[in-house]
Amino acid sequence: MASENSRQAQLEEKRLLWKLHIKEWRSSDLTRADYCRRNDLSYDRFIYWDRKFRKEATPAFIELKIPAVPYPKITPGKSSLRVAFSRFQISVDPGFDPAVLRQLVYTLERL
């Protein structure tokens, strides 16, 4: 058990060391090869860790949040509502679904 903890600690130390090297390389004007030569590092190991850290930093799922689009308040009545929006006009009948109107306005804004 102690040897497993020791191995984990060594791996974490190695990981932190490579992360530091990658960070320092990114802030330098050197190519990867030049950075490795100047710091006496294995180029192949450098590429391995750089790719590993990039892969870890790239999320597999990105949540897109659609901003809320304000919609007019309508009191139920017998007449419809006409909304002039940019170059579009929308007629809204009583009993409409506000979420549908909001999505329609959001879509039209992006045209």
PDB file of N, CA and C in Angstrom:
ATOM      1  N   MET A   1       0.826  -1.197   0.000  1.00  0.00           N
ATOM      2  CA  MET A   1       0.000   0.000   0.000  1.00  0.00           C
ATOM      3  C   MET A   1       0.870   1.261   0.000  1.00  0.00           C
ATOM      4  N   ALA A   2       1.915   1.233   0.817  1.00  0.00           N
ATOM      5  CA  ALA A   2       2.796   2.394   0.894  1.00  0.00           C
ATOM      6  C   ALA A   2       3.501   2.628  -0.433  1.00  0.00           C
ATOM      7  N   SER A   3       3.876   1.528  -1.109  1.00  0.00           N
ATOM      8  CA  SER A   3       4.562   1.683  -2.390  1.00  0.00           C
ATOM      9  C   SER A   3       3.614   2.251  -3.448  1.00  0.00           C
ATOM     10  N   GLU A   4       2.335   1.913  -3.371  1.00  0.00           N
ATOM     11  CA  GLU A   4       1.343   2.456  -4.308  1.00  0.00           C
ATOM     12  C   GLU A   4       1.178   3.953  -4.080  1.00  0.00           C
ATOM     13  N   ASN A   5       1.123   4.382  -2.824  1.00  0.00           N
ATOM     14  CA  ASN A   5       1.034   5.815  -2.521  1.00  0.00           C
ATOM     15  C   ASN A   5       2.284   6.542  -2.984  1.00  0.00           C
ATOM     16  N   SER A   6       3.436   5.903  -2.823  1.00  0.00           N
ATOM     17  CA  SER A   6       4.693   6.505  -3.258  1.00  0.00           C
ATOM     18  C   SER A   6       4.704   6.647  -4.781  1.00  0.00           C
ATOM     19  N   ARG A   7       4.223   5.627  -5.480  1.00  0.00           N
ATOM     20  CA  ARG A   7       4.173   5.685  -6.949  1.00  0.00           C
ATOM     21  C   ARG A   7       3.222   6.788  -7.400  1.00  0.00           C
ATOM     22  N   GLN A   8       2.081   6.909  -6.757  1.00  0.00           N
ATOM     23  CA  GLN A   8       1.122   7.965  -7.100  1.00  0.00           C
ATOM     24  C   GLN A   8       1.732   9.348  -6.874  1.00  0.00           C
ATOM     25  N   ALA A   9       2.468   9.490  -5.787  1.00  0.00           N
ATOM     26  CA  ALA A   9       3.112  10.769  -5.491  1.00  0.00           C
ATOM     27  C   ALA A   9       4.164  11.096  -6.551  1.00  0.00           C
ATOM     28  N   GLN A  10       4.920  10.079  -6.992  1.00  0.00           N
ATOM     29  CA  GLN A  10       5.930  10.298  -8.039  1.00  0.00           C
ATOM     30  C   GLN A  10       5.265  10.696  -9.354  1.00  0.00           C
ATOM     31  N   LEU A  11       4.174  10.032  -9.695  1.00  0.00           N
ATOM     32  CA  LEU A  11       3.463  10.366 -10.928  1.00  0.00           C
ATOM     33  C   LEU A  11       2.916  11.784 -10.888  1.00  0.00           C
ATOM     34  N   GLU A  12       2.371  12.164  -9.739  1.00  0.00           N
ATOM     35  CA  GLU A  12       1.834  13.526  -9.601  1.00  0.00           C
ATOM     36  C   GLU A  12       2.948  14.566  -9.687  1.00  0.00           C
ATOM     37  N   GLU A  13       4.094  14.247  -9.104  1.00  0.00           N
ATOM     38  CA  GLU A  13       5.234  15.162  -9.169  1.00  0.00           C
ATOM     39  C   GLU A  13       5.700  15.321 -10.621  1.00  0.00           C
ATOM     40  N   LYS A  14       5.769  14.210 -11.356  1.00  0.00           N
ATOM     41  CA  LYS A  14       6.165  14.243 -12.767  1.00  0.00           C
ATOM     42  C   LYS A  14       5.165  15.055 -13.575  1.00  0.00           C
ATOM     43  N   ARG A  15       3.895  14.843 -13.305  1.00  0.00           N
ATOM     44  CA  ARG A  15       2.830  15.568 -14.001  1.00  0.00           C
ATOM     45  C   ARG A  15       2.946  17.081 -13.775  1.00  0.00           C
ATOM     46  N   LEU A  16       3.173  17.463 -12.524  1.00  0.00           N
ATOM     47  CA  LEU A  16       3.313  18.884 -12.201  1.00  0.00           C
ATOM     48  C   LEU A  16       4.548  19.490 -12.862  1.00  0.00           C
ATOM     49  N   LEU A  17       5.636  18.724 -12.920  1.00  0.00           N
ATOM     50  CA  LEU A  17       6.853  19.203 -13.560  1.00  0.00           C
ATOM     51  C   LEU A  17       6.617  19.454 -15.048  1.00  0.00           C
ATOM     52  N   TRP A  18       5.969  18.500 -15.729  1.00  0.00           N
ATOM     53  CA  TRP A  18       5.689  18.678 -17.155  1.00  0.00           C
ATOM     54  C   TRP A  18       4.696  19.811 -17.389  1.00  0.00           C
ATOM     55  N   LYS A  19       3.727  19.929 -16.504  1.00  0.00           N
ATOM     56  CA  LYS A  19       2.759  21.028 -16.651  1.00  0.00           C
ATOM     57  C   LYS A  19       3.481  22.370 -16.556  1.00  0.00           C
ATOM     58  N   LEU A  20       4.422  22.478 -15.656  1.00  0.00           N
ATOM     59  CA  LEU A  20       5.205  23.698 -15.504  1.00  0.00           C
ATOM     60  C   LEU A  20       6.029  23.969 -16.768  1.00  0.00           C
ATOM     61  N   HIS A  21       6.662  22.925 -17.302  1.00  0.00           N
ATOM     62  CA  HIS A  21       7.450  23.095 -18.529  1.00  0.00           C
ATOM     63  C   HIS A  21       6.565  23.550 -19.697  1.00  0.00           C
ATOM     64  N   ILE A  22       5.392  22.949 -19.837  1.00  0.00           N
ATOM     65  CA  ILE A  22       4.482  23.317 -20.928  1.00  0.00           C
ATOM     66  C   ILE A  22       4.063  24.780 -20.767  1.00  0.00           C
ATOM     67  N   LYS A  23       3.752  25.168 -19.540  1.00  0.00           N
ATOM     68  CA  LYS A  23       3.346  26.550 -19.280  1.00  0.00           C
ATOM     69  C   LYS A  23       4.481  27.525 -19.604  1.00  0.00           C
ATOM     70  N   GLU A  24       5.684  27.197 -19.182  1.00  0.00           N
ATOM     71  CA  GLU A  24       6.833  28.068 -19.463  1.00  0.00           C
ATOM     72  C   GLU A  24       7.113  28.141 -20.965  1.00  0.00           C
ATOM     73  N   TRP A  25       7.002  26.996 -21.657  1.00  0.00           N
ATOM     74  CA  TRP A  25       7.217  27.000 -23.108  1.00  0.00           C
ATOM     75  C   TRP A  25       6.199  27.898 -23.807  1.00  0.00           C
ATOM     76  N   ARG A  26       4.928  27.806 -23.395  1.00  0.00           N
ATOM     77  CA  ARG A  26       3.884  28.618 -24.036  1.00  0.00           C
ATOM     78  C   ARG A  26       4.128  30.110 -23.843  1.00  0.00           C
ATOM     79  N   SER A  27       4.729  30.484 -22.742  1.00  0.00           N
ATOM     80  CA  SER A  27       4.981  31.910 -22.507  1.00  0.00           C
ATOM     81  C   SER A  27       6.305  32.369 -23.140  1.00  0.00           C
ATOM     82  N   SER A  28       7.042  31.420 -23.713  1.00  0.00           N
ATOM     83  CA  SER A  28       8.296  31.791 -24.385  1.00  0.00           C
ATOM     84  C   SER A  28       8.040  31.955 -25.880  1.00  0.00           C
ATOM     85  N   ASP A  29       9.049  32.425 -26.575  1.00  0.00           N
ATOM     86  CA  ASP A  29       8.967  32.550 -28.035  1.00  0.00           C
ATOM     87  C   ASP A  29       9.681  31.394 -28.723  1.00  0.00           C
ATOM     88  N   LEU A  30       9.968  30.350 -27.975  1.00  0.00           N
ATOM     89  CA  LEU A  30      10.740  29.232 -28.510  1.00  0.00           C
ATOM     90  C   LEU A  30       9.838  28.189 -29.172  1.00  0.00           C
ATOM     91  N   THR A  31      10.425  27.470 -30.120  1.00  0.00           N
ATOM     92  CA  THR A  31       9.727  26.307 -30.657  1.00  0.00           C
ATOM     93  C   THR A  31       9.803  25.200 -29.606  1.00  0.00           C
ATOM     94  N   ARG A  32       9.035  24.167 -29.784  1.00  0.00           N
ATOM     95  CA  ARG A  32       9.100  23.045 -28.836  1.00  0.00           C
ATOM     96  C   ARG A  32      10.503  22.452 -28.806  1.00  0.00           C
ATOM     97  N   ALA A  33      11.046  22.238 -29.991  1.00  0.00           N
ATOM     98  CA  ALA A  33      12.377  21.632 -30.079  1.00  0.00           C
ATOM     99  C   ALA A  33      13.428  22.497 -29.382  1.00  0.00           C
ATOM    100  N   ASP A  34      13.389  23.798 -29.618  1.00  0.00           N
ATOM    101  CA  ASP A  34      14.354  24.695 -28.967  1.00  0.00           C
ATOM    102  C   ASP A  34      14.192  24.684 -27.451  1.00  0.00           C
ATOM    103  N   TYR A  35      12.949  24.704 -26.994  1.00  0.00           N
ATOM    104  CA  TYR A  35      12.709  24.679 -25.547  1.00  0.00           C
ATOM    105  C   TYR A  35      13.269  23.397 -24.943  1.00  0.00           C
ATOM    106  N   CYS A  36      13.023  22.276 -25.612  1.00  0.00           N
ATOM    107  CA  CYS A  36      13.527  20.989 -25.108  1.00  0.00           C
ATOM    108  C   CYS A  36      15.049  20.967 -25.069  1.00  0.00           C
ATOM    109  N   ARG A  37      15.699  21.467 -26.122  1.00  0.00           N
ATOM    110  CA  ARG A  37      17.175  21.507 -26.139  1.00  0.00           C
ATOM    111  C   ARG A  37      17.711  22.362 -24.995  1.00  0.00           C
ATOM    112  N   ARG A  38      17.121  23.528 -24.800  1.00  0.00           N
ATOM    113  CA  ARG A  38      17.610  24.444 -23.753  1.00  0.00           C
ATOM    114  C   ARG A  38      17.386  23.907 -22.343  1.00  0.00           C
ATOM    115  N   ASN A  39      16.378  23.056 -22.194  1.00  0.00           N
ATOM    116  CA  ASN A  39      16.057  22.542 -20.861  1.00  0.00           C
ATOM    117  C   ASN A  39      16.405  21.065 -20.704  1.00  0.00           C
ATOM    118  N   ASP A  40      17.131  20.527 -21.683  1.00  0.00           N
ATOM    119  CA  ASP A  40      17.580  19.132 -21.649  1.00  0.00           C
ATOM    120  C   ASP A  40      16.399  18.172 -21.404  1.00  0.00           C
ATOM    121  N   LEU A  41      15.371  18.345 -22.228  1.00  0.00           N
ATOM    122  CA  LEU A  41      14.168  17.516 -22.131  1.00  0.00           C
ATOM    123  C   LEU A  41      14.029  16.637 -23.364  1.00  0.00           C
ATOM    124  N   SER A  42      13.398  15.498 -23.181  1.00  0.00           N
ATOM    125  CA  SER A  42      13.090  14.629 -24.307  1.00  0.00           C
ATOM    126  C   SER A  42      11.971  15.271 -25.131  1.00  0.00           C
ATOM    127  N   TYR A  43      12.247  15.473 -26.417  1.00  0.00           N
ATOM    128  CA  TYR A  43      11.243  16.085 -27.306  1.00  0.00           C
ATOM    129  C   TYR A  43       9.985  15.210 -27.379  1.00  0.00           C
ATOM    130  N   ASP A  44      10.174  13.907 -27.503  1.00  0.00           N
ATOM    131  CA  ASP A  44       9.034  12.990 -27.597  1.00  0.00           C
ATOM    132  C   ASP A  44       8.170  13.040 -26.329  1.00  0.00           C
ATOM    133  N   ARG A  45       8.809  13.070 -25.173  1.00  0.00           N
ATOM    134  CA  ARG A  45       8.058  13.166 -23.908  1.00  0.00           C
ATOM    135  C   ARG A  45       7.335  14.508 -23.825  1.00  0.00           C
ATOM    136  N   PHE A  46       7.984  15.554 -24.288  1.00  0.00           N
ATOM    137  CA  PHE A  46       7.378  16.882 -24.285  1.00  0.00           C
ATOM    138  C   PHE A  46       6.102  16.873 -25.128  1.00  0.00           C
ATOM    139  N   ILE A  47       6.173  16.319 -26.326  1.00  0.00           N
ATOM    140  CA  ILE A  47       5.006  16.233 -27.208  1.00  0.00           C
ATOM    141  C   ILE A  47       3.907  15.413 -26.541  1.00  0.00           C
ATOM    142  N   TYR A  48       4.282  14.296 -25.928  1.00  0.00           N
ATOM    143  CA  TYR A  48       3.302  13.439 -25.237  1.00  0.00           C
ATOM    144  C   TYR A  48       2.542  14.231 -24.188  1.00  0.00           C
ATOM    145  N   TRP A  49       3.252  14.934 -23.316  1.00  0.00           N
ATOM    146  CA  TRP A  49       2.603  15.665 -22.232  1.00  0.00           C
ATOM    147  C   TRP A  49       1.811  16.866 -22.752  1.00  0.00           C
ATOM    148  N   ASP A  50       2.331  17.534 -23.757  1.00  0.00           N
ATOM    149  CA  ASP A  50       1.601  18.671 -24.327  1.00  0.00           C
ATOM    150  C   ASP A  50       0.247  18.199 -24.873  1.00  0.00           C
ATOM    151  N   ARG A  51       0.266  17.116 -25.620  1.00  0.00           N
ATOM    152  CA  ARG A  51      -0.992  16.573 -26.154  1.00  0.00           C
ATOM    153  C   ARG A  51      -1.924  16.112 -25.038  1.00  0.00           C
ATOM    154  N   LYS A  52      -1.362  15.478 -24.039  1.00  0.00           N
ATOM    155  CA  LYS A  52      -2.164  14.990 -22.907  1.00  0.00           C
ATOM    156  C   LYS A  52      -2.865  16.150 -22.194  1.00  0.00           C
ATOM    157  N   PHE A  53      -2.124  17.222 -21.939  1.00  0.00           N
ATOM    158  CA  PHE A  53      -2.722  18.368 -21.255  1.00  0.00           C
ATOM    159  C   PHE A  53      -3.756  19.068 -22.128  1.00  0.00           C
ATOM    160  N   ARG A  54      -3.500  19.142 -23.422  1.00  0.00           N
ATOM    161  CA  ARG A  54      -4.488  19.753 -24.330  1.00  0.00           C
ATOM    162  C   ARG A  54      -5.781  18.946 -24.347  1.00  0.00           C
ATOM    163  N   LYS A  55      -5.636  17.632 -24.401  1.00  0.00           N
ATOM    164  CA  LYS A  55      -6.807  16.757 -24.431  1.00  0.00           C
ATOM    165  C   LYS A  55      -7.617  16.895 -23.147  1.00  0.00           C
ATOM    166  N   GLU A  56      -6.933  16.981 -22.020  1.00  0.00           N
ATOM    167  CA  GLU A  56      -7.617  17.146 -20.736  1.00  0.00           C
ATOM    168  C   GLU A  56      -8.335  18.487 -20.654  1.00  0.00           C
ATOM    169  N   ALA A  57      -7.771  19.503 -21.278  1.00  0.00           N
ATOM    170  CA  ALA A  57      -8.339  20.850 -21.193  1.00  0.00           C
ATOM    171  C   ALA A  57      -9.533  21.029 -22.121  1.00  0.00           C
ATOM    172  N   THR A  58      -9.695  20.135 -23.096  1.00  0.00           N
ATOM    173  CA  THR A  58     -10.793  20.259 -24.052  1.00  0.00           C
ATOM    174  C   THR A  58     -12.016  19.531 -23.516  1.00  0.00           C
ATOM    175  N   PRO A  59     -13.073  20.272 -23.202  1.00  0.00           N
ATOM    176  CA  PRO A  59     -14.266  19.601 -22.692  1.00  0.00           C
ATOM    177  C   PRO A  59     -14.941  18.790 -23.798  1.00  0.00           C
ATOM    178  N   ALA A  60     -15.475  17.646 -23.412  1.00  0.00           N
ATOM    179  CA  ALA A  60     -16.163  16.788 -24.380  1.00  0.00           C
ATOM    180  C   ALA A  60     -17.549  17.337 -24.697  1.00  0.00           C
ATOM    181  N   PHE A  61     -18.122  18.080 -23.766  1.00  0.00           N
ATOM    182  CA  PHE A  61     -19.467  18.613 -23.945  1.00  0.00           C
ATOM    183  C   PHE A  61     -19.446  20.091 -23.587  1.00  0.00           C
ATOM    184  N   ILE A  62     -19.951  20.895 -24.481  1.00  0.00           N
ATOM    185  CA  ILE A  62     -20.024  22.328 -24.228  1.00  0.00           C
ATOM    186  C   ILE A  62     -21.496  22.717 -24.192  1.00  0.00           C
ATOM    187  N   GLU A  63     -21.922  23.255 -23.083  1.00  0.00           N
ATOM    188  CA  GLU A  63     -23.306  23.678 -22.945  1.00  0.00           C
ATOM    189  C   GLU A  63     -23.462  25.066 -23.564  1.00  0.00           C
ATOM    190  N   LEU A  64     -24.420  25.194 -24.455  1.00  0.00           N
ATOM    191  CA  LEU A  64     -24.716  26.481 -25.063  1.00  0.00           C
ATOM    192  C   LEU A  64     -25.917  27.080 -24.354  1.00  0.00           C
ATOM    193  N   LYS A  65     -25.770  28.299 -23.935  1.00  0.00           N
ATOM    194  CA  LYS A  65     -26.863  28.978 -23.263  1.00  0.00           C
ATOM    195  C   LYS A  65     -27.423  30.041 -24.192  1.00  0.00           C
ATOM    196  N   ILE A  66     -28.706  29.937 -24.469  1.00  0.00           N
ATOM    197  CA  ILE A  66     -29.376  30.905 -25.325  1.00  0.00           C
ATOM    198  C   ILE A  66     -29.876  32.036 -24.435  1.00  0.00           C
ATOM    199  N   PRO A  67     -29.468  33.260 -24.746  1.00  0.00           N
ATOM    200  CA  PRO A  67     -29.904  34.371 -23.902  1.00  0.00           C
ATOM    201  C   PRO A  67     -31.418  34.571 -24.001  1.00  0.00           C
ATOM    202  N   ALA A  68     -31.974  35.007 -22.899  1.00  0.00           N
ATOM    203  CA  ALA A  68     -33.411  35.275 -22.872  1.00  0.00           C
ATOM    204  C   ALA A  68     -33.723  36.489 -23.742  1.00  0.00           C
ATOM    205  N   VAL A  69     -34.779  36.377 -24.495  1.00  0.00           N
ATOM    206  CA  VAL A  69     -35.235  37.476 -25.341  1.00  0.00           C
ATOM    207  C   VAL A  69     -36.546  37.969 -24.746  1.00  0.00           C
ATOM    208  N   PRO A  70     -36.615  39.238 -24.390  1.00  0.00           N
ATOM    209  CA  PRO A  70     -37.861  39.723 -23.796  1.00  0.00           C
ATOM    210  C   PRO A  70     -39.016  39.633 -24.799  1.00  0.00           C
ATOM    211  N   TYR A  71     -40.170  39.345 -24.290  1.00  0.00           N
ATOM    212  CA  TYR A  71     -41.350  39.282 -25.143  1.00  0.00           C
ATOM    213  C   TYR A  71     -42.430  40.174 -24.552  1.00  0.00           C
ATOM    214  N   PRO A  72     -43.314  40.679 -25.381  1.00  0.00           N
ATOM    215  CA  PRO A  72     -44.331  41.602 -24.881  1.00  0.00           C
ATOM    216  C   PRO A  72     -45.377  40.887 -24.033  1.00  0.00           C
ATOM    217  N   LYS A  73     -45.833  41.588 -23.026  1.00  0.00           N
ATOM    218  CA  LYS A  73     -46.940  41.075 -22.212  1.00  0.00           C
ATOM    219  C   LYS A  73     -48.232  41.333 -22.961  1.00  0.00           C
ATOM    220  N   ILE A  74     -49.056  40.330 -23.031  1.00  0.00           N
ATOM    221  CA  ILE A  74     -50.321  40.460 -23.751  1.00  0.00           C
ATOM    222  C   ILE A  74     -51.445  40.038 -22.824  1.00  0.00           C
ATOM    223  N   THR A  75     -52.417  40.867 -22.743  1.00  0.00           N
ATOM    224  CA  THR A  75     -53.602  40.489 -21.989  1.00  0.00           C
ATOM    225  C   THR A  75     -54.562  39.815 -22.957  1.00  0.00           C
ATOM    226  N   PRO A  76     -55.173  38.720 -22.530  1.00  0.00           N
ATOM    227  CA  PRO A  76     -56.067  38.008 -23.433  1.00  0.00           C
ATOM    228  C   PRO A  76     -57.183  38.924 -23.935  1.00  0.00           C
ATOM    229  N   GLY A  77     -57.434  38.825 -25.193  1.00  0.00           N
ATOM    230  CA  GLY A  77     -58.481  39.617 -25.797  1.00  0.00           C
ATOM    231  C   GLY A  77     -58.885  38.996 -27.122  1.00  0.00           C
ATOM    232  N   LYS A  78     -59.689  39.706 -27.863  1.00  0.00           N
ATOM    233  CA  LYS A  78     -60.160  39.153 -29.125  1.00  0.00           C
ATOM    234  C   LYS A  78     -59.286  39.548 -30.299  1.00  0.00           C
ATOM    235  N   SER A  79     -58.474  40.591 -30.135  1.00  0.00           N
ATOM    236  CA  SER A  79     -57.669  41.047 -31.266  1.00  0.00           C
ATOM    237  C   SER A  79     -56.270  40.443 -31.193  1.00  0.00           C
ATOM    238  N   SER A  80     -55.616  40.399 -32.319  1.00  0.00           N
ATOM    239  CA  SER A  80     -54.251  39.886 -32.355  1.00  0.00           C
ATOM    240  C   SER A  80     -53.279  41.040 -32.144  1.00  0.00           C
ATOM    241  N   LEU A  81     -52.057  40.702 -31.883  1.00  0.00           N
ATOM    242  CA  LEU A  81     -51.004  41.679 -31.661  1.00  0.00           C
ATOM    243  C   LEU A  81     -50.064  41.640 -32.852  1.00  0.00           C
ATOM    244  N   ARG A  82     -49.664  42.805 -33.324  1.00  0.00           N
ATOM    245  CA  ARG A  82     -48.703  42.864 -34.428  1.00  0.00           C
ATOM    246  C   ARG A  82     -47.411  43.437 -33.847  1.00  0.00           C
ATOM    247  N   VAL A  83     -46.341  42.697 -34.022  1.00  0.00           N
ATOM    248  CA  VAL A  83     -45.038  43.102 -33.519  1.00  0.00           C
ATOM    249  C   VAL A  83     -44.144  43.404 -34.716  1.00  0.00           C
ATOM    250  N   ALA A  84     -43.635  44.631 -34.773  1.00  0.00           N
ATOM    251  CA  ALA A  84     -42.686  44.990 -35.819  1.00  0.00           C
ATOM    252  C   ALA A  84     -41.298  44.829 -35.218  1.00  0.00           C
ATOM    253  N   PHE A  85     -40.516  43.976 -35.825  1.00  0.00           N
ATOM    254  CA  PHE A  85     -39.200  43.661 -35.290  1.00  0.00           C
ATOM    255  C   PHE A  85     -38.203  43.708 -36.426  1.00  0.00           C
ATOM    256  N   SER A  86     -37.311  44.698 -36.378  1.00  0.00           N
ATOM    257  CA  SER A  86     -36.331  44.879 -37.442  1.00  0.00           C
ATOM    258  C   SER A  86     -37.071  44.995 -38.765  1.00  0.00           C
ATOM    259  N   ARG A  87     -36.813  44.112 -39.691  1.00  0.00           N
ATOM    260  CA  ARG A  87     -37.505  44.166 -40.983  1.00  0.00           C
ATOM    261  C   ARG A  87     -38.650  43.155 -41.054  1.00  0.00           C
ATOM    262  N   PHE A  88     -39.015  42.589 -39.911  1.00  0.00           N
ATOM    263  CA  PHE A  88     -40.058  41.569 -39.864  1.00  0.00           C
ATOM    264  C   PHE A  88     -41.274  42.079 -39.114  1.00  0.00           C
ATOM    265  N   GLN A  89     -42.417  41.530 -39.465  1.00  0.00           N
ATOM    266  CA  GLN A  89     -43.645  41.788 -38.717  1.00  0.00           C
ATOM    267  C   GLN A  89     -44.238  40.447 -38.333  1.00  0.00           C
ATOM    268  N   ILE A  90     -44.624  40.356 -37.078  1.00  0.00           N
ATOM    269  CA  ILE A  90     -45.172  39.099 -36.561  1.00  0.00           C
ATOM    270  C   ILE A  90     -46.563  39.385 -36.023  1.00  0.00           C
ATOM    271  N   SER A  91     -47.523  38.584 -36.446  1.00  0.00           N
ATOM    272  CA  SER A  91     -48.875  38.685 -35.896  1.00  0.00           C
ATOM    273  C   SER A  91     -49.040  37.594 -34.856  1.00  0.00           C
ATOM    274  N   VAL A  92     -49.479  38.002 -33.673  1.00  0.00           N
ATOM    275  CA  VAL A  92     -49.636  37.059 -32.567  1.00  0.00           C
ATOM    276  C   VAL A  92     -51.096  37.043 -32.161  1.00  0.00           C
ATOM    277  N   ASP A  93     -51.681  35.875 -32.219  1.00  0.00           N
ATOM    278  CA  ASP A  93     -53.087  35.722 -31.834  1.00  0.00           C
ATOM    279  C   ASP A  93     -53.196  35.455 -30.343  1.00  0.00           C
ATOM    280  N   PRO A  94     -54.358  35.728 -29.769  1.00  0.00           N
ATOM    281  CA  PRO A  94     -54.557  35.428 -28.346  1.00  0.00           C
ATOM    282  C   PRO A  94     -54.298  33.946 -28.073  1.00  0.00           C
ATOM    283  N   GLY A  95     -53.714  33.681 -26.917  1.00  0.00           N
ATOM    284  CA  GLY A  95     -53.432  32.301 -26.521  1.00  0.00           C
ATOM    285  C   GLY A  95     -52.113  31.771 -27.084  1.00  0.00           C
ATOM    286  N   PHE A  96     -51.242  32.660 -27.578  1.00  0.00           N
ATOM    287  CA  PHE A  96     -49.960  32.224 -28.135  1.00  0.00           C
ATOM    288  C   PHE A  96     -49.051  31.682 -27.036  1.00  0.00           C
ATOM    289  N   ASP A  97     -48.015  30.970 -27.447  1.00  0.00           N
ATOM    290  CA  ASP A  97     -47.022  30.442 -26.505  1.00  0.00           C
ATOM    291  C   ASP A  97     -45.844  31.423 -26.457  1.00  0.00           C
ATOM    292  N   PRO A  98     -45.610  32.097 -25.329  1.00  0.00           N
ATOM    293  CA  PRO A  98     -44.528  33.084 -25.247  1.00  0.00           C
ATOM    294  C   PRO A  98     -43.154  32.495 -25.551  1.00  0.00           C
ATOM    295  N   ALA A  99     -42.924  31.235 -25.202  1.00  0.00           N
ATOM    296  CA  ALA A  99     -41.625  30.625 -25.466  1.00  0.00           C
ATOM    297  C   ALA A  99     -41.379  30.506 -26.970  1.00  0.00           C
ATOM    298  N   VAL A 100     -42.416  30.207 -27.729  1.00  0.00           N
ATOM    299  CA  VAL A 100     -42.275  30.103 -29.179  1.00  0.00           C
ATOM    300  C   VAL A 100     -41.961  31.480 -29.766  1.00  0.00           C
ATOM    301  N   LEU A 101     -42.653  32.512 -29.306  1.00  0.00           N
ATOM    302  CA  LEU A 101     -42.388  33.866 -29.784  1.00  0.00           C
ATOM    303  C   LEU A 101     -40.955  34.278 -29.435  1.00  0.00           C
ATOM    304  N   ARG A 102     -40.523  33.990 -28.225  1.00  0.00           N
ATOM    305  CA  ARG A 102     -39.166  34.334 -27.788  1.00  0.00           C
ATOM    306  C   ARG A 102     -38.136  33.651 -28.694  1.00  0.00           C
ATOM    307  N   GLN A 103     -38.336  32.379 -28.995  1.00  0.00           N
ATOM    308  CA  GLN A 103     -37.410  31.657 -29.858  1.00  0.00           C
ATOM    309  C   GLN A 103     -37.439  32.213 -31.284  1.00  0.00           C
ATOM    310  N   LEU A 104     -38.614  32.588 -31.751  1.00  0.00           N
ATOM    311  CA  LEU A 104     -38.734  33.163 -33.087  1.00  0.00           C
ATOM    312  C   LEU A 104     -37.981  34.492 -33.172  1.00  0.00           C
ATOM    313  N   VAL A 105     -38.149  35.340 -32.175  1.00  0.00           N
ATOM    314  CA  VAL A 105     -37.446  36.636 -32.147  1.00  0.00           C
ATOM    315  C   VAL A 105     -35.948  36.410 -32.081  1.00  0.00           C
ATOM    316  N   TYR A 106     -35.516  35.483 -31.251  1.00  0.00           N
ATOM    317  CA  TYR A 106     -34.093  35.163 -31.122  1.00  0.00           C
ATOM    318  C   TYR A 106     -33.529  34.710 -32.485  1.00  0.00           C
ATOM    319  N   THR A 107     -34.262  33.863 -33.176  1.00  0.00           N
ATOM    320  CA  THR A 107     -33.830  33.380 -34.481  1.00  0.00           C
ATOM    321  C   THR A 107     -33.772  34.506 -35.498  1.00  0.00           C
ATOM    322  N   LEU A 108     -34.774  35.366 -35.502  1.00  0.00           N
ATOM    323  CA  LEU A 108     -34.810  36.468 -36.466  1.00  0.00           C
ATOM    324  C   LEU A 108     -33.673  37.462 -36.231  1.00  0.00           C
ATOM    325  N   GLU A 109     -33.274  37.634 -34.970  1.00  0.00           N
ATOM    326  CA  GLU A 109     -32.164  38.547 -34.664  1.00  0.00           C
ATOM    327  C   GLU A 109     -30.864  38.084 -35.315  1.00  0.00           C
ATOM    328  N   ARG A 110     -30.724  36.815 -35.524  1.00  0.00           N
ATOM    329  CA  ARG A 110     -29.483  36.270 -36.060  1.00  0.00           C
ATOM    330  C   ARG A 110     -29.469  36.168 -37.578  1.00  0.00           C
ATOM    331  N   LEU A 111     -30.538  36.548 -38.237  1.00  0.00           N
ATOM    332  CA  LEU A 111     -30.582  36.527 -39.708  1.00  0.00           C
ATOM    333  C   LEU A 111     -29.873  37.727 -40.292  1.00  0.00           C
TER     334      LEU A 111
END
